[in-house]
Amino acid sequence: MKLYTKMPLALKPFYQKELTDAENDFVQNHFQQSWQHLERAHILGQPYPFAHSFIHWKMLLFGIKTKNSKEIIGQIPRLIFGGVKSFVGKIPVGNTGGANVPPLHPMEIPEDLLIIIQTHTSNEITN
């Protein structure tokens, strides 16, 4: 069994850009765009426990800041268990991480993110 720990250095700038874009959109009250960047960061960070857990933390904070009780309640178990699933390599590939989708449901990865993942990681996480 392969244990995943750290995000590949080549992937980090793409993950970080999604986080930065999420924050920039949030402060401009572009909440839908901000959330979409968090979802994209989730897809990129999902195989890596620390990045995965951090995104669920950011999603929880988003829910708190927007007073979205469904997101707050939905993010708590994801925050607790998401990193563990990443650590052992048992993730629902492509899942966007929000409370609006089942936590174990695999989803199609957007084409641009799939290209980034395939060209900047040594792990094949796609089906």
Protein backbone atom coordinates (compact mmCIF):
# COMPACT_ATOMS: atom_id res chain seq x y z
CA MET A 1 0.00 0.00 0.00
CA LYS A 2 1.32 3.45 -0.98
CA LEU A 3 1.17 6.08 1.76
CA TYR A 4 0.77 9.64 0.57
CA THR A 5 2.21 12.45 2.62
CA LYS A 6 3.52 15.55 0.84
CA MET A 7 2.24 17.26 -2.25
CA PRO A 8 4.78 17.22 -5.09
CA LEU A 9 6.66 20.53 -5.32
CA ALA A 10 5.63 20.94 -8.96
CA LEU A 11 1.94 20.79 -7.99
CA LYS A 12 2.09 23.27 -5.10
CA PRO A 13 1.99 26.48 -7.19
CA PHE A 14 -1.28 25.40 -8.81
CA TYR A 15 -2.80 24.48 -5.45
CA GLN A 16 -1.59 27.75 -3.93
CA LYS A 17 -2.97 29.79 -6.84
CA GLU A 18 -6.43 28.32 -6.26
CA LEU A 19 -6.20 29.26 -2.57
CA THR A 20 -5.05 32.78 -3.40
CA ASP A 21 -7.77 33.22 -6.01
CA ALA A 22 -10.36 31.94 -3.51
CA GLU A 23 -9.25 34.50 -0.94
CA ASN A 24 -9.14 37.35 -3.47
CA ASP A 25 -12.63 36.55 -4.74
CA PHE A 26 -13.95 36.22 -1.18
CA VAL A 27 -12.77 39.68 -0.11
CA GLN A 28 -14.46 41.09 -3.22
CA ASN A 29 -17.71 39.33 -2.19
CA HIS A 30 -17.52 37.01 -5.20
CA PHE A 31 -18.55 34.07 -3.07
CA GLN A 32 -19.48 31.64 -5.84
CA GLN A 33 -16.14 32.14 -7.61
CA SER A 34 -14.32 31.89 -4.30
CA TRP A 35 -16.02 28.58 -3.55
CA GLN A 36 -15.17 27.24 -7.01
CA HIS A 37 -11.48 27.93 -6.35
CA LEU A 38 -11.72 26.06 -3.04
CA GLU A 39 -13.28 23.11 -4.88
CA ARG A 40 -10.46 23.17 -7.44
CA ALA A 41 -7.86 23.33 -4.66
CA HIS A 42 -9.62 20.36 -3.06
CA ILE A 43 -9.27 18.31 -6.23
CA LEU A 44 -5.56 19.17 -6.44
CA GLY A 45 -4.86 18.62 -2.75
CA GLN A 46 -7.10 15.65 -2.06
CA PRO A 47 -4.42 12.91 -2.38
CA TYR A 48 -2.19 14.63 0.19
CA PRO A 49 -3.29 14.56 3.86
CA PHE A 50 -2.13 18.00 4.97
CA ALA A 51 -3.32 19.80 1.83
CA HIS A 52 -6.61 17.88 1.94
CA SER A 53 -7.27 18.69 5.58
CA PHE A 54 -6.29 22.33 5.04
CA ILE A 55 -8.84 22.70 2.24
CA HIS A 56 -11.58 21.31 4.48
CA TRP A 57 -10.49 23.82 7.13
CA LYS A 58 -10.79 26.62 4.54
CA MET A 59 -14.19 25.28 3.48
CA LEU A 60 -15.32 25.21 7.11
CA LEU A 61 -14.19 28.82 7.53
CA PHE A 62 -16.02 29.74 4.33
CA GLY A 63 -19.18 28.18 5.78
CA ILE A 64 -18.73 30.10 9.03
CA LYS A 65 -18.05 33.42 7.27
CA THR A 66 -21.06 33.02 4.99
CA LYS A 67 -23.24 31.66 7.81
CA ASN A 68 -23.95 28.48 5.84
CA SER A 69 -24.95 25.94 8.49
CA LYS A 70 -25.14 23.07 5.96
CA GLU A 71 -21.52 23.68 4.95
CA ILE A 72 -20.36 24.03 8.56
CA ILE A 73 -21.99 20.75 9.59
CA GLY A 74 -20.84 19.02 6.41
CA GLN A 75 -17.22 20.11 6.73
CA ILE A 76 -16.64 18.88 10.29
CA PRO A 77 -16.53 15.13 9.47
CA ARG A 78 -14.65 15.86 6.24
CA LEU A 79 -12.06 17.80 8.19
CA ILE A 80 -11.69 14.96 10.70
CA PHE A 81 -11.55 12.05 8.24
CA GLY A 82 -10.43 13.50 4.90
CA GLY A 83 -6.73 13.57 5.68
CA VAL A 84 -6.80 9.99 6.96
CA LYS A 85 -8.37 8.78 3.69
CA SER A 86 -5.67 10.67 1.76
CA PHE A 87 -2.90 9.18 3.86
CA VAL A 88 -3.87 5.64 2.87
CA GLY A 89 -4.70 6.57 -0.74
CA LYS A 90 -8.44 5.87 -0.48
CA ILE A 91 -10.04 9.01 -1.89
CA PRO A 92 -13.05 9.56 -4.17
CA VAL A 93 -11.05 10.97 -7.08
CA GLY A 94 -12.31 14.32 -8.36
CA ASN A 95 -14.69 14.93 -5.47
CA THR A 96 -15.02 18.69 -4.96
CA GLY A 97 -15.22 18.45 -1.16
CA GLY A 98 -18.28 20.53 -0.38
CA ALA A 99 -21.27 19.51 1.70
CA ASN A 100 -23.34 19.68 -1.50
CA VAL A 101 -21.79 16.41 -2.75
CA PRO A 102 -21.59 12.98 -1.08
CA PRO A 103 -18.17 12.71 0.62
CA LEU A 104 -17.28 9.35 -0.95
CA HIS A 105 -18.59 10.05 -4.46
CA PRO A 106 -15.93 10.14 -7.22
CA MET A 107 -16.41 12.89 -9.78
CA GLU A 108 -14.97 13.82 -13.15
CA ILE A 109 -11.87 16.00 -12.88
CA PRO A 110 -12.06 19.20 -14.97
CA GLU A 111 -9.83 18.83 -18.03
CA ASP A 112 -7.43 21.66 -17.10
CA LEU A 113 -6.87 20.20 -13.62
CA LEU A 114 -6.44 16.71 -15.04
CA ILE A 115 -3.65 17.98 -17.29
CA ILE A 116 -1.99 19.73 -14.33
CA ILE A 117 -2.22 16.58 -12.21
CA GLN A 118 -0.91 14.33 -14.95
CA THR A 119 2.01 16.57 -15.84
CA HIS A 120 3.05 17.67 -12.34
CA THR A 121 2.81 14.50 -10.28
CA SER A 122 4.53 11.17 -10.37
CA ASN A 123 1.43 9.49 -8.90
CA GLU A 124 -1.40 8.49 -11.17
CA ILE A 125 -4.56 9.40 -9.21
CA THR A 126 -7.00 9.28 -12.08
CA ASN A 127 -9.13 6.31 -13.03
